[in-house]
Amino acid sequence: MVGFFRAKSVLDPEVEAWHIEAWSWLLRNLGGVEDLKLSPLVRPSREWFPVSQPGGHALAREYFDIIRRHANLEHLNPDFRPKGGDPGQLSLGSIATLRPLQARAAGVYSRQGNAAAITYAPNLLSDFRGLVATLAHELAHMMLDGVAEPRPPGDDAEELLTDIAVIYLGFGIFGAQTAFRFGQFQSVESQGWQTSRLGYLTEAEWAFGLSVFLALTGRGVADVSPWVKPEIAAKVKRSMAYLNAKPNIVQQWRAIEPRPQ
């Protein structure tokens, strides 16, 4: 019982307040808790992604269509194509380099009139989790595009809200796993460290969002812990304990009346 009263959020108070409002915004505009319960918790496995294409844009298209199906957004069918660009390397000396694996804009959603398009970085084809996280994010952009209610205020609010919508759609495991990567690489010509960041939320924010998704859909930490890094699983567990200790937060989300669609 002592631990129950010591439950602490993984987020600073002002950040947590923004996330609480962001979830309220999504629940109001996307159908409420009953709609959220229809979202699957998508895992990075062949069972969820039974692709058949060997590679290239055809494989990306297959992943995109599977994502649309899991998200129940098959009615959204933008122009879908790869984009150019190379994040390059940052020199740390004559041999060592710091090499970002992905630029921040690994995907782009755009609209001109009634014509919508989603593009992705072709090098994501070698990064299954990064590709799924990116495509889910851009698809979430398109889903939210027509919502009239003003977004919660703040820097990068549109992108942050879109990342939370990725969790809402069931792809939070992918977003959390690709939020930040850091590791060593070595080749004939160079050696050094490589970093990668996809999305806009921090790992703690992804963990908080996953805990909200779990709490509102009747799932538990065990549903995500096998699929995420141990430090993220620990933050999800801590966030779940915090929400259990603050039942008024979850109750206010459950009480939200969704706007007519």
C-alpha atoms as a PDB file:
ATOM      1  CA  MET A   1       0.000   0.000   0.000  1.00  0.00           C
ATOM      2  CA  VAL A   2       2.917   2.363   0.692  1.00  0.00           C
ATOM      3  CA  GLY A   3       4.102   1.995  -2.930  1.00  0.00           C
ATOM      4  CA  PHE A   4       0.597   2.834  -4.151  1.00  0.00           C
ATOM      5  CA  PHE A   5       0.717   6.293  -2.536  1.00  0.00           C
ATOM      6  CA  ARG A   6       4.250   6.934  -3.798  1.00  0.00           C
ATOM      7  CA  ALA A   7       3.340   6.374  -7.439  1.00  0.00           C
ATOM      8  CA  LYS A   8       4.915   9.155  -9.471  1.00  0.00           C
ATOM      9  CA  SER A   9       4.436  10.227 -13.068  1.00  0.00           C
ATOM     10  CA  VAL A  10       7.246   9.721 -15.570  1.00  0.00           C
ATOM     11  CA  LEU A  11       6.410  13.200 -16.919  1.00  0.00           C
ATOM     12  CA  ASP A  12       6.914  16.662 -15.495  1.00  0.00           C
ATOM     13  CA  PRO A  13       3.598  18.184 -14.324  1.00  0.00           C
ATOM     14  CA  GLU A  14       3.241  20.661 -17.210  1.00  0.00           C
ATOM     15  CA  VAL A  15       4.059  17.988 -19.793  1.00  0.00           C
ATOM     16  CA  GLU A  16       1.635  15.571 -18.178  1.00  0.00           C
ATOM     17  CA  ALA A  17      -1.115  18.221 -18.208  1.00  0.00           C
ATOM     18  CA  TRP A  18      -0.594  18.697 -21.943  1.00  0.00           C
ATOM     19  CA  HIS A  19      -0.811  14.942 -22.549  1.00  0.00           C
ATOM     20  CA  ILE A  20      -4.004  14.680 -20.523  1.00  0.00           C
ATOM     21  CA  GLU A  21      -5.578  17.392 -22.686  1.00  0.00           C
ATOM     22  CA  ALA A  22      -4.219  15.794 -25.864  1.00  0.00           C
ATOM     23  CA  TRP A  23      -5.872  12.476 -25.020  1.00  0.00           C
ATOM     24  CA  SER A  24      -9.095  14.319 -24.188  1.00  0.00           C
ATOM     25  CA  TRP A  25      -8.928  16.039 -27.589  1.00  0.00           C
ATOM     26  CA  LEU A  26      -8.443  12.749 -29.409  1.00  0.00           C
ATOM     27  CA  LEU A  27     -11.231  10.990 -27.523  1.00  0.00           C
ATOM     28  CA  ARG A  28     -13.644  13.871 -28.201  1.00  0.00           C
ATOM     29  CA  ASN A  29     -12.892  13.937 -31.899  1.00  0.00           C
ATOM     30  CA  LEU A  30     -12.271  10.283 -32.778  1.00  0.00           C
ATOM     31  CA  GLY A  31     -15.130   8.514 -31.051  1.00  0.00           C
ATOM     32  CA  GLY A  32     -14.379   8.231 -27.347  1.00  0.00           C
ATOM     33  CA  VAL A  33     -13.262   5.250 -25.288  1.00  0.00           C
ATOM     34  CA  GLU A  34     -15.579   2.844 -27.102  1.00  0.00           C
ATOM     35  CA  ASP A  35     -13.891   3.707 -30.396  1.00  0.00           C
ATOM     36  CA  LEU A  36     -10.444   3.420 -28.810  1.00  0.00           C
ATOM     37  CA  LYS A  37     -11.279  -0.110 -27.640  1.00  0.00           C
ATOM     38  CA  LEU A  38     -11.610  -1.109 -31.296  1.00  0.00           C
ATOM     39  CA  SER A  39      -7.933  -0.326 -31.881  1.00  0.00           C
ATOM     40  CA  PRO A  40      -5.709  -3.399 -31.854  1.00  0.00           C
ATOM     41  CA  LEU A  41      -2.348  -3.444 -30.086  1.00  0.00           C
ATOM     42  CA  VAL A  42      -0.203  -4.099 -33.157  1.00  0.00           C
ATOM     43  CA  ARG A  43       2.985  -6.089 -32.577  1.00  0.00           C
ATOM     44  CA  PRO A  44       6.131  -6.278 -34.748  1.00  0.00           C
ATOM     45  CA  SER A  45       5.628  -9.860 -35.894  1.00  0.00           C
ATOM     46  CA  ARG A  46       4.918 -11.831 -39.051  1.00  0.00           C
ATOM     47  CA  GLU A  47       1.465 -12.591 -37.659  1.00  0.00           C
ATOM     48  CA  TRP A  48       0.592  -8.907 -37.843  1.00  0.00           C
ATOM     49  CA  PHE A  49       2.542  -8.193 -41.037  1.00  0.00           C
ATOM     50  CA  PRO A  50       2.285 -11.208 -43.361  1.00  0.00           C
ATOM     51  CA  VAL A  51       4.052  -9.484 -46.265  1.00  0.00           C
ATOM     52  CA  SER A  52       4.837 -11.284 -49.506  1.00  0.00           C
ATOM     53  CA  GLN A  53       6.688  -8.694 -51.598  1.00  0.00           C
ATOM     54  CA  PRO A  54      10.503  -9.173 -51.720  1.00  0.00           C
ATOM     55  CA  GLY A  55      11.450  -5.508 -51.418  1.00  0.00           C
ATOM     56  CA  GLY A  56      11.333  -2.048 -52.958  1.00  0.00           C
ATOM     57  CA  HIS A  57       8.316   0.198 -53.184  1.00  0.00           C
ATOM     58  CA  ALA A  58       6.001  -2.796 -53.619  1.00  0.00           C
ATOM     59  CA  LEU A  59       6.989  -3.959 -50.129  1.00  0.00           C
ATOM     60  CA  ALA A  60       6.468  -0.470 -48.668  1.00  0.00           C
ATOM     61  CA  ARG A  61       3.039  -0.373 -50.322  1.00  0.00           C
ATOM     62  CA  GLU A  62       2.162  -3.733 -48.785  1.00  0.00           C
ATOM     63  CA  TYR A  63       3.167  -2.510 -45.330  1.00  0.00           C
ATOM     64  CA  PHE A  64       1.161   0.675 -45.842  1.00  0.00           C
ATOM     65  CA  ASP A  65      -1.965  -1.249 -46.814  1.00  0.00           C
ATOM     66  CA  ILE A  66      -1.615  -3.542 -43.791  1.00  0.00           C
ATOM     67  CA  ILE A  67      -1.250  -0.497 -41.529  1.00  0.00           C
ATOM     68  CA  ARG A  68      -4.380   1.066 -43.042  1.00  0.00           C
ATOM     69  CA  ARG A  69      -6.274  -2.182 -42.447  1.00  0.00           C
ATOM     70  CA  HIS A  70      -5.187  -2.531 -38.795  1.00  0.00           C
ATOM     71  CA  ALA A  71      -6.063   1.133 -38.187  1.00  0.00           C
ATOM     72  CA  ASN A  72      -9.453   0.767 -39.884  1.00  0.00           C
ATOM     73  CA  LEU A  73      -8.473   3.581 -42.253  1.00  0.00           C
ATOM     74  CA  GLU A  74      -8.666   1.805 -45.578  1.00  0.00           C
ATOM     75  CA  HIS A  75     -10.908   4.612 -46.822  1.00  0.00           C
ATOM     76  CA  LEU A  76      -7.847   6.889 -46.703  1.00  0.00           C
ATOM     77  CA  ASN A  77      -5.939   6.237 -49.906  1.00  0.00           C
ATOM     78  CA  PRO A  78      -3.391   9.000 -50.606  1.00  0.00           C
ATOM     79  CA  ASP A  79      -0.826   9.056 -53.369  1.00  0.00           C
ATOM     80  CA  PHE A  80       1.935   6.929 -51.837  1.00  0.00           C
ATOM     81  CA  ARG A  81       5.549   7.056 -53.023  1.00  0.00           C
ATOM     82  CA  PRO A  82       9.190   7.171 -51.908  1.00  0.00           C
ATOM     83  CA  LYS A  83      11.092  10.417 -51.548  1.00  0.00           C
ATOM     84  CA  GLY A  84      14.741  11.314 -52.088  1.00  0.00           C
ATOM     85  CA  GLY A  85      17.278  12.506 -49.570  1.00  0.00           C
ATOM     86  CA  ASP A  86      20.183  11.193 -47.518  1.00  0.00           C
ATOM     87  CA  PRO A  87      20.807  12.244 -43.886  1.00  0.00           C
ATOM     88  CA  GLY A  88      24.560  11.998 -44.505  1.00  0.00           C
ATOM     89  CA  GLN A  89      27.311  11.875 -41.888  1.00  0.00           C
ATOM     90  CA  LEU A  90      28.761  14.249 -39.317  1.00  0.00           C
ATOM     91  CA  SER A  91      32.551  13.998 -38.984  1.00  0.00           C
ATOM     92  CA  LEU A  92      34.143  13.377 -35.591  1.00  0.00           C
ATOM     93  CA  GLY A  93      37.689  13.238 -36.946  1.00  0.00           C
ATOM     94  CA  SER A  94      39.683  11.684 -39.729  1.00  0.00           C
ATOM     95  CA  ILE A  95      38.230   8.185 -39.162  1.00  0.00           C
ATOM     96  CA  ALA A  96      35.373   8.272 -36.682  1.00  0.00           C
ATOM     97  CA  THR A  97      31.978   9.659 -37.639  1.00  0.00           C
ATOM     98  CA  LEU A  98      28.606  10.259 -36.073  1.00  0.00           C
ATOM     99  CA  ARG A  99      26.077   8.901 -38.525  1.00  0.00           C
ATOM    100  CA  PRO A 100      22.357   9.626 -38.084  1.00  0.00           C
ATOM    101  CA  LEU A 101      20.404   6.629 -39.346  1.00  0.00           C
ATOM    102  CA  GLN A 102      17.317   8.681 -40.197  1.00  0.00           C
ATOM    103  CA  ALA A 103      16.566  12.343 -40.645  1.00  0.00           C
ATOM    104  CA  ARG A 104      13.686  13.612 -38.547  1.00  0.00           C
ATOM    105  CA  ALA A 105      11.364  13.866 -41.546  1.00  0.00           C
ATOM    106  CA  ALA A 106      11.486  10.181 -42.479  1.00  0.00           C
ATOM    107  CA  GLY A 107       8.001  10.643 -43.933  1.00  0.00           C
ATOM    108  CA  VAL A 108       5.874  13.543 -45.137  1.00  0.00           C
ATOM    109  CA  TYR A 109       2.125  14.049 -45.408  1.00  0.00           C
ATOM    110  CA  SER A 110       0.913  16.799 -47.736  1.00  0.00           C
ATOM    111  CA  ARG A 111      -2.363  17.982 -49.236  1.00  0.00           C
ATOM    112  CA  GLN A 112      -3.263  20.273 -52.108  1.00  0.00           C
ATOM    113  CA  GLY A 113      -6.986  20.723 -52.393  1.00  0.00           C
ATOM    114  CA  ASN A 114      -8.531  17.255 -52.421  1.00  0.00           C
ATOM    115  CA  ALA A 115      -5.267  15.552 -53.393  1.00  0.00           C
ATOM    116  CA  ALA A 116      -3.305  14.022 -50.501  1.00  0.00           C
ATOM    117  CA  ALA A 117       0.132  12.396 -50.614  1.00  0.00           C
ATOM    118  CA  ILE A 118       2.368  10.448 -48.224  1.00  0.00           C
ATOM    119  CA  THR A 119       6.050   9.975 -48.986  1.00  0.00           C
ATOM    120  CA  TYR A 120       8.690   7.976 -47.099  1.00  0.00           C
ATOM    121  CA  ALA A 121      12.489   7.755 -47.059  1.00  0.00           C
ATOM    122  CA  PRO A 122      13.522   4.698 -49.141  1.00  0.00           C
ATOM    123  CA  ASN A 123      16.216   3.689 -46.631  1.00  0.00           C
ATOM    124  CA  LEU A 124      13.405   2.840 -44.199  1.00  0.00           C
ATOM    125  CA  LEU A 125      12.891  -0.347 -46.213  1.00  0.00           C
ATOM    126  CA  SER A 126      15.796  -1.841 -44.236  1.00  0.00           C
ATOM    127  CA  ASP A 127      14.193  -0.771 -40.940  1.00  0.00           C
ATOM    128  CA  PHE A 128      10.879  -2.569 -40.473  1.00  0.00           C
ATOM    129  CA  ARG A 129       9.924  -0.922 -37.170  1.00  0.00           C
ATOM    130  CA  GLY A 130      10.988   2.518 -38.371  1.00  0.00           C
ATOM    131  CA  LEU A 131       8.993   2.124 -41.578  1.00  0.00           C
ATOM    132  CA  VAL A 132       5.832   1.105 -39.732  1.00  0.00           C
ATOM    133  CA  ALA A 133       6.221   3.906 -37.159  1.00  0.00           C
ATOM    134  CA  THR A 134       6.732   6.473 -39.923  1.00  0.00           C
ATOM    135  CA  LEU A 135       3.829   5.335 -42.087  1.00  0.00           C
ATOM    136  CA  ALA A 136       1.490   5.137 -39.083  1.00  0.00           C
ATOM    137  CA  HIS A 137       2.478   8.697 -38.149  1.00  0.00           C
ATOM    138  CA  GLU A 138       1.781  10.077 -41.619  1.00  0.00           C
ATOM    139  CA  LEU A 139      -1.500   8.175 -41.843  1.00  0.00           C
ATOM    140  CA  ALA A 140      -2.474   9.647 -38.466  1.00  0.00           C
ATOM    141  CA  HIS A 141      -1.693  13.093 -39.904  1.00  0.00           C
ATOM    142  CA  MET A 142      -4.155  12.444 -42.702  1.00  0.00           C
ATOM    143  CA  MET A 143      -6.800  11.140 -40.273  1.00  0.00           C
ATOM    144  CA  LEU A 144      -6.552  14.281 -38.128  1.00  0.00           C
ATOM    145  CA  ASP A 145      -6.416  16.672 -41.072  1.00  0.00           C
ATOM    146  CA  GLY A 146     -10.147  17.292 -41.165  1.00  0.00           C
ATOM    147  CA  VAL A 147     -10.710  17.787 -37.422  1.00  0.00           C
ATOM    148  CA  ALA A 148     -11.927  21.341 -36.856  1.00  0.00           C
ATOM    149  CA  GLU A 149     -11.360  21.710 -33.106  1.00  0.00           C
ATOM    150  CA  PRO A 150      -8.155  23.675 -32.382  1.00  0.00           C
ATOM    151  CA  ARG A 151      -5.236  21.528 -31.255  1.00  0.00           C
ATOM    152  CA  PRO A 152      -3.927  21.820 -27.694  1.00  0.00           C
ATOM    153  CA  PRO A 153      -1.440  24.728 -27.697  1.00  0.00           C
ATOM    154  CA  GLY A 154       2.333  24.399 -27.556  1.00  0.00           C
ATOM    155  CA  ASP A 155       5.493  24.030 -29.615  1.00  0.00           C
ATOM    156  CA  ASP A 156       5.295  21.161 -32.123  1.00  0.00           C
ATOM    157  CA  ALA A 157       1.737  20.513 -30.882  1.00  0.00           C
ATOM    158  CA  GLU A 158       0.588  19.201 -34.254  1.00  0.00           C
ATOM    159  CA  GLU A 159       3.371  16.626 -34.479  1.00  0.00           C
ATOM    160  CA  LEU A 160       3.169  15.634 -30.818  1.00  0.00           C
ATOM    161  CA  LEU A 161      -0.589  15.152 -31.091  1.00  0.00           C
ATOM    162  CA  THR A 162      -0.047  13.054 -34.225  1.00  0.00           C
ATOM    163  CA  ASP A 163       2.384  10.780 -32.368  1.00  0.00           C
ATOM    164  CA  ILE A 164      -0.228  10.280 -29.646  1.00  0.00           C
ATOM    165  CA  ALA A 165      -2.725   9.437 -32.396  1.00  0.00           C
ATOM    166  CA  VAL A 166      -0.280   6.716 -33.489  1.00  0.00           C
ATOM    167  CA  ILE A 167      -0.729   5.193 -30.027  1.00  0.00           C
ATOM    168  CA  TYR A 168      -4.510   5.638 -30.322  1.00  0.00           C
ATOM    169  CA  LEU A 169      -4.492   3.675 -33.589  1.00  0.00           C
ATOM    170  CA  GLY A 170      -2.601   0.803 -31.950  1.00  0.00           C
ATOM    171  CA  PHE A 171       0.975   1.402 -33.129  1.00  0.00           C
ATOM    172  CA  GLY A 172       2.490   2.721 -29.904  1.00  0.00           C
ATOM    173  CA  ILE A 173       4.970  -0.154 -29.613  1.00  0.00           C
ATOM    174  CA  PHE A 174       6.561   0.892 -32.902  1.00  0.00           C
ATOM    175  CA  GLY A 175       6.759   4.547 -31.924  1.00  0.00           C
ATOM    176  CA  ALA A 176       8.253   3.778 -28.525  1.00  0.00           C
ATOM    177  CA  GLN A 177      10.887   1.423 -29.939  1.00  0.00           C
ATOM    178  CA  THR A 178      12.082   3.918 -32.550  1.00  0.00           C
ATOM    179  CA  ALA A 179      11.963   7.062 -30.392  1.00  0.00           C
ATOM    180  CA  PHE A 180      15.743   6.925 -29.908  1.00  0.00           C
ATOM    181  CA  ARG A 181      18.518   4.505 -30.881  1.00  0.00           C
ATOM    182  CA  PHE A 182      22.213   4.741 -30.153  1.00  0.00           C
ATOM    183  CA  GLY A 183      24.879   2.218 -31.105  1.00  0.00           C
ATOM    184  CA  GLN A 184      28.338   1.623 -32.513  1.00  0.00           C
ATOM    185  CA  PHE A 185      29.157   0.869 -36.145  1.00  0.00           C
ATOM    186  CA  GLN A 186      32.334  -0.082 -37.977  1.00  0.00           C
ATOM    187  CA  SER A 187      33.216  -0.467 -41.648  1.00  0.00           C
ATOM    188  CA  VAL A 188      36.389  -0.639 -43.747  1.00  0.00           C
ATOM    189  CA  GLU A 189      36.480   3.156 -44.117  1.00  0.00           C
ATOM    190  CA  SER A 190      35.209   4.374 -40.753  1.00  0.00           C
ATOM    191  CA  GLN A 191      33.971   3.651 -37.288  1.00  0.00           C
ATOM    192  CA  GLY A 192      31.936   5.573 -34.778  1.00  0.00           C
ATOM    193  CA  TRP A 193      28.512   5.922 -33.263  1.00  0.00           C
ATOM    194  CA  GLN A 194      25.152   6.082 -34.951  1.00  0.00           C
ATOM    195  CA  THR A 195      21.968   7.614 -33.693  1.00  0.00           C
ATOM    196  CA  SER A 196      18.391   7.506 -34.858  1.00  0.00           C
ATOM    197  CA  ARG A 197      15.266   9.276 -33.737  1.00  0.00           C
ATOM    198  CA  LEU A 198      11.837   8.955 -35.282  1.00  0.00           C
ATOM    199  CA  GLY A 199       8.788  10.797 -34.065  1.00  0.00           C
ATOM    200  CA  TYR A 200       8.513  13.752 -31.702  1.00  0.00           C
ATOM    201  CA  LEU A 201       7.658  12.248 -28.313  1.00  0.00           C
ATOM    202  CA  THR A 202      10.373  11.281 -25.844  1.00  0.00           C
ATOM    203  CA  GLU A 203      10.632   7.674 -24.623  1.00  0.00           C
ATOM    204  CA  ALA A 204       8.935   8.734 -21.357  1.00  0.00           C
ATOM    205  CA  GLU A 205       6.070  10.312 -23.317  1.00  0.00           C
ATOM    206  CA  TRP A 206       5.648   7.186 -25.444  1.00  0.00           C
ATOM    207  CA  ALA A 207       5.579   5.120 -22.239  1.00  0.00           C
ATOM    208  CA  PHE A 208       2.943   7.395 -20.692  1.00  0.00           C
ATOM    209  CA  GLY A 209       0.847   7.214 -23.868  1.00  0.00           C
ATOM    210  CA  LEU A 210       1.100   3.419 -23.972  1.00  0.00           C
ATOM    211  CA  SER A 211      -0.059   3.263 -20.353  1.00  0.00           C
ATOM    212  CA  VAL A 212      -3.089   5.418 -21.225  1.00  0.00           C
ATOM    213  CA  PHE A 213      -3.906   3.117 -24.139  1.00  0.00           C
ATOM    214  CA  LEU A 214      -3.571   0.039 -21.917  1.00  0.00           C
ATOM    215  CA  ALA A 215      -5.661   1.509 -19.102  1.00  0.00           C
ATOM    216  CA  LEU A 216      -8.511   2.645 -21.359  1.00  0.00           C
ATOM    217  CA  THR A 217      -8.653  -0.579 -23.391  1.00  0.00           C
ATOM    218  CA  GLY A 218      -8.403  -3.012 -20.487  1.00  0.00           C
ATOM    219  CA  ARG A 219      -4.912  -4.286 -21.272  1.00  0.00           C
ATOM    220  CA  GLY A 220      -1.859  -4.605 -19.048  1.00  0.00           C
ATOM    221  CA  VAL A 221       1.896  -4.029 -19.037  1.00  0.00           C
ATOM    222  CA  ALA A 222       2.495  -7.674 -19.987  1.00  0.00           C
ATOM    223  CA  ASP A 223       0.890  -6.949 -23.361  1.00  0.00           C
ATOM    224  CA  VAL A 224       3.712  -4.571 -24.336  1.00  0.00           C
ATOM    225  CA  SER A 225       6.758  -5.509 -22.231  1.00  0.00           C
ATOM    226  CA  PRO A 226       7.967  -8.354 -24.515  1.00  0.00           C
ATOM    227  CA  TRP A 227       8.038  -5.952 -27.472  1.00  0.00           C
ATOM    228  CA  VAL A 228       9.817  -2.881 -26.092  1.00  0.00           C
ATOM    229  CA  LYS A 229      13.170  -2.104 -24.510  1.00  0.00           C
ATOM    230  CA  PRO A 230      13.379  -2.896 -20.775  1.00  0.00           C
ATOM    231  CA  GLU A 231      13.719   0.772 -19.847  1.00  0.00           C
ATOM    232  CA  ILE A 232      10.526   1.603 -21.753  1.00  0.00           C
ATOM    233  CA  ALA A 233       8.686  -1.335 -20.192  1.00  0.00           C
ATOM    234  CA  ALA A 234       9.747  -0.056 -16.768  1.00  0.00           C
ATOM    235  CA  LYS A 235       8.370   3.407 -17.572  1.00  0.00           C
ATOM    236  CA  VAL A 236       5.086   1.894 -18.808  1.00  0.00           C
ATOM    237  CA  LYS A 237       4.790  -0.101 -15.569  1.00  0.00           C
ATOM    238  CA  ARG A 238       5.469   3.031 -13.535  1.00  0.00           C
ATOM    239  CA  SER A 239       2.911   5.013 -15.547  1.00  0.00           C
ATOM    240  CA  MET A 240       0.274   2.320 -15.075  1.00  0.00           C
ATOM    241  CA  ALA A 241       0.866   2.432 -11.322  1.00  0.00           C
ATOM    242  CA  TYR A 242       0.532   6.205 -11.431  1.00  0.00           C
ATOM    243  CA  LEU A 243      -2.778   6.065 -13.329  1.00  0.00           C
ATOM    244  CA  ASN A 244      -4.057   3.456 -10.869  1.00  0.00           C
ATOM    245  CA  ALA A 245      -3.167   5.848  -8.066  1.00  0.00           C
ATOM    246  CA  LYS A 246      -4.936   8.724  -9.865  1.00  0.00           C
ATOM    247  CA  PRO A 247      -8.251   7.166 -10.936  1.00  0.00           C
ATOM    248  CA  ASN A 248      -9.804  10.598 -11.513  1.00  0.00           C
ATOM    249  CA  ILE A 249      -7.606  11.058 -14.608  1.00  0.00           C
ATOM    250  CA  VAL A 250      -8.872   7.878 -16.257  1.00  0.00           C
ATOM    251  CA  GLN A 251     -12.433   8.566 -15.138  1.00  0.00           C
ATOM    252  CA  GLN A 252     -12.448  11.970 -16.842  1.00  0.00           C
ATOM    253  CA  TRP A 253     -11.386  10.320 -20.123  1.00  0.00           C
ATOM    254  CA  ARG A 254     -14.069   7.645 -19.804  1.00  0.00           C
ATOM    255  CA  ALA A 255     -16.693  10.354 -19.234  1.00  0.00           C
ATOM    256  CA  ILE A 256     -15.907  12.220 -22.461  1.00  0.00           C
ATOM    257  CA  GLU A 257     -18.784  12.446 -24.923  1.00  0.00           C
ATOM    258  CA  PRO A 258     -17.422  12.145 -28.463  1.00  0.00           C
ATOM    259  CA  ARG A 259     -18.406  14.716 -31.032  1.00  0.00           C
ATOM    260  CA  PRO A 260     -20.858  13.530 -33.713  1.00  0.00           C
ATOM    261  CA  GLN A 261     -18.938  12.120 -36.666  1.00  0.00           C
END
